[in-house]
Amino acid sequence: MTNNTVIDPGTPEGIDPLTELLRSGAKQLITEAVQVEPDELMRQYDDQKTTDGCQRVVHSGHHPERESITGVRGHLN
């Protein structure tokens, strides 16, 4: 006789520690990549100025937060 336990992975209570670790790691990597990529691009144009001495290429602001969907079931929130 076997004792089976069924866990619904669609609910936060049913998320196993490994899945939660993968989710948090993925969220952290994505966040870092999104923050680093524009900074690297801006550094490429640091030496380019307009005729009045202002930076030629600048950040234009931030977009509202969006929900991210990955191959791991559930949301990264």
C-alpha atoms as a PDB file:
ATOM      1  CA  MET A   1       0.000   0.000   0.000  1.00  0.00           C
ATOM      2  CA  THR A   2       1.373   3.425  -0.951  1.00  0.00           C
ATOM      3  CA  ASN A   3       0.716   6.783   0.627  1.00  0.00           C
ATOM      4  CA  ASN A   4       0.444   9.393  -2.154  1.00  0.00           C
ATOM      5  CA  THR A   5       0.288  13.131  -1.605  1.00  0.00           C
ATOM      6  CA  VAL A   6      -0.995  15.347  -4.411  1.00  0.00           C
ATOM      7  CA  ILE A   7       0.199  18.949  -4.462  1.00  0.00           C
ATOM      8  CA  ASP A   8      -1.430  21.530  -6.730  1.00  0.00           C
ATOM      9  CA  PRO A   9       1.504  23.510  -8.224  1.00  0.00           C
ATOM     10  CA  GLY A  10      -0.871  26.306  -9.219  1.00  0.00           C
ATOM     11  CA  THR A  11      -1.206  27.578  -5.674  1.00  0.00           C
ATOM     12  CA  PRO A  12       1.517  29.270  -3.594  1.00  0.00           C
ATOM     13  CA  GLU A  13       1.092  26.646  -0.868  1.00  0.00           C
ATOM     14  CA  GLY A  14       1.840  23.895  -3.397  1.00  0.00           C
ATOM     15  CA  ILE A  15       5.124  25.340  -4.663  1.00  0.00           C
ATOM     16  CA  ASP A  16       8.051  23.178  -3.734  1.00  0.00           C
ATOM     17  CA  PRO A  17      11.290  24.831  -2.515  1.00  0.00           C
ATOM     18  CA  LEU A  18      13.213  24.014  -5.713  1.00  0.00           C
ATOM     19  CA  THR A  19      10.593  25.676  -7.925  1.00  0.00           C
ATOM     20  CA  GLU A  20      10.547  28.711  -5.646  1.00  0.00           C
ATOM     21  CA  LEU A  21      14.354  28.894  -5.796  1.00  0.00           C
ATOM     22  CA  LEU A  22      14.264  28.714  -9.605  1.00  0.00           C
ATOM     23  CA  ARG A  23      11.609  31.419  -9.771  1.00  0.00           C
ATOM     24  CA  SER A  24      13.439  33.792  -7.461  1.00  0.00           C
ATOM     25  CA  GLY A  25      16.738  33.171  -9.264  1.00  0.00           C
ATOM     26  CA  ALA A  26      15.128  33.785 -12.658  1.00  0.00           C
ATOM     27  CA  LYS A  27      13.483  36.968 -11.404  1.00  0.00           C
ATOM     28  CA  GLN A  28      16.789  38.241 -10.035  1.00  0.00           C
ATOM     29  CA  LEU A  29      18.683  37.467 -13.271  1.00  0.00           C
ATOM     30  CA  ILE A  30      16.032  39.155 -15.413  1.00  0.00           C
ATOM     31  CA  THR A  31      15.969  42.216 -13.152  1.00  0.00           C
ATOM     32  CA  GLU A  32      19.748  42.554 -13.260  1.00  0.00           C
ATOM     33  CA  ALA A  33      19.873  42.100 -17.046  1.00  0.00           C
ATOM     34  CA  VAL A  34      17.175  44.702 -17.594  1.00  0.00           C
ATOM     35  CA  GLN A  35      19.059  47.186 -15.408  1.00  0.00           C
ATOM     36  CA  VAL A  36      22.552  46.481 -16.776  1.00  0.00           C
ATOM     37  CA  GLU A  37      21.812  46.425 -20.509  1.00  0.00           C
ATOM     38  CA  PRO A  38      20.819  50.103 -20.906  1.00  0.00           C
ATOM     39  CA  ASP A  39      23.707  51.214 -18.678  1.00  0.00           C
ATOM     40  CA  GLU A  40      26.164  49.413 -20.956  1.00  0.00           C
ATOM     41  CA  LEU A  41      24.572  51.000 -23.999  1.00  0.00           C
ATOM     42  CA  MET A  42      24.824  54.461 -22.439  1.00  0.00           C
ATOM     43  CA  ARG A  43      28.537  53.936 -21.692  1.00  0.00           C
ATOM     44  CA  GLN A  44      29.166  53.334 -25.397  1.00  0.00           C
ATOM     45  CA  TYR A  45      27.988  56.895 -26.088  1.00  0.00           C
ATOM     46  CA  ASP A  46      29.523  58.678 -23.084  1.00  0.00           C
ATOM     47  CA  ASP A  47      31.923  60.635 -25.280  1.00  0.00           C
ATOM     48  CA  GLN A  48      29.266  61.857 -27.714  1.00  0.00           C
ATOM     49  CA  LYS A  49      27.966  65.347 -26.905  1.00  0.00           C
ATOM     50  CA  THR A  50      25.667  67.794 -28.648  1.00  0.00           C
ATOM     51  CA  THR A  51      27.020  71.142 -29.842  1.00  0.00           C
ATOM     52  CA  ASP A  52      25.953  72.719 -26.528  1.00  0.00           C
ATOM     53  CA  GLY A  53      27.803  70.049 -24.479  1.00  0.00           C
ATOM     54  CA  CYS A  54      24.865  67.840 -23.390  1.00  0.00           C
ATOM     55  CA  GLN A  55      24.884  64.037 -23.657  1.00  0.00           C
ATOM     56  CA  ARG A  56      23.729  62.973 -27.114  1.00  0.00           C
ATOM     57  CA  VAL A  57      22.190  59.686 -25.881  1.00  0.00           C
ATOM     58  CA  VAL A  58      20.274  59.608 -22.595  1.00  0.00           C
ATOM     59  CA  HIS A  59      17.816  57.389 -20.711  1.00  0.00           C
ATOM     60  CA  SER A  60      14.231  58.381 -21.428  1.00  0.00           C
ATOM     61  CA  GLY A  61      12.665  57.087 -18.203  1.00  0.00           C
ATOM     62  CA  HIS A  62      11.013  53.884 -17.054  1.00  0.00           C
ATOM     63  CA  HIS A  63       7.964  51.978 -18.191  1.00  0.00           C
ATOM     64  CA  PRO A  64       5.383  50.686 -15.721  1.00  0.00           C
ATOM     65  CA  GLU A  65       6.062  47.289 -14.169  1.00  0.00           C
ATOM     66  CA  ARG A  66       4.824  44.337 -16.244  1.00  0.00           C
ATOM     67  CA  GLU A  67       4.012  40.758 -15.357  1.00  0.00           C
ATOM     68  CA  SER A  68       6.555  38.231 -16.650  1.00  0.00           C
ATOM     69  CA  ILE A  69       5.585  34.733 -17.734  1.00  0.00           C
ATOM     70  CA  THR A  70       8.260  32.020 -17.983  1.00  0.00           C
ATOM     71  CA  GLY A  71       8.421  28.286 -18.565  1.00  0.00           C
ATOM     72  CA  VAL A  72       8.123  27.755 -14.821  1.00  0.00           C
ATOM     73  CA  ARG A  73       4.449  27.504 -13.884  1.00  0.00           C
ATOM     74  CA  GLY A  74       2.992  30.541 -12.233  1.00  0.00           C
ATOM     75  CA  HIS A  75       4.144  34.115 -12.059  1.00  0.00           C
ATOM     76  CA  LEU A  76       7.444  35.627 -10.962  1.00  0.00           C
ATOM     77  CA  ASN A  77       5.701  37.918  -8.483  1.00  0.00           C
END
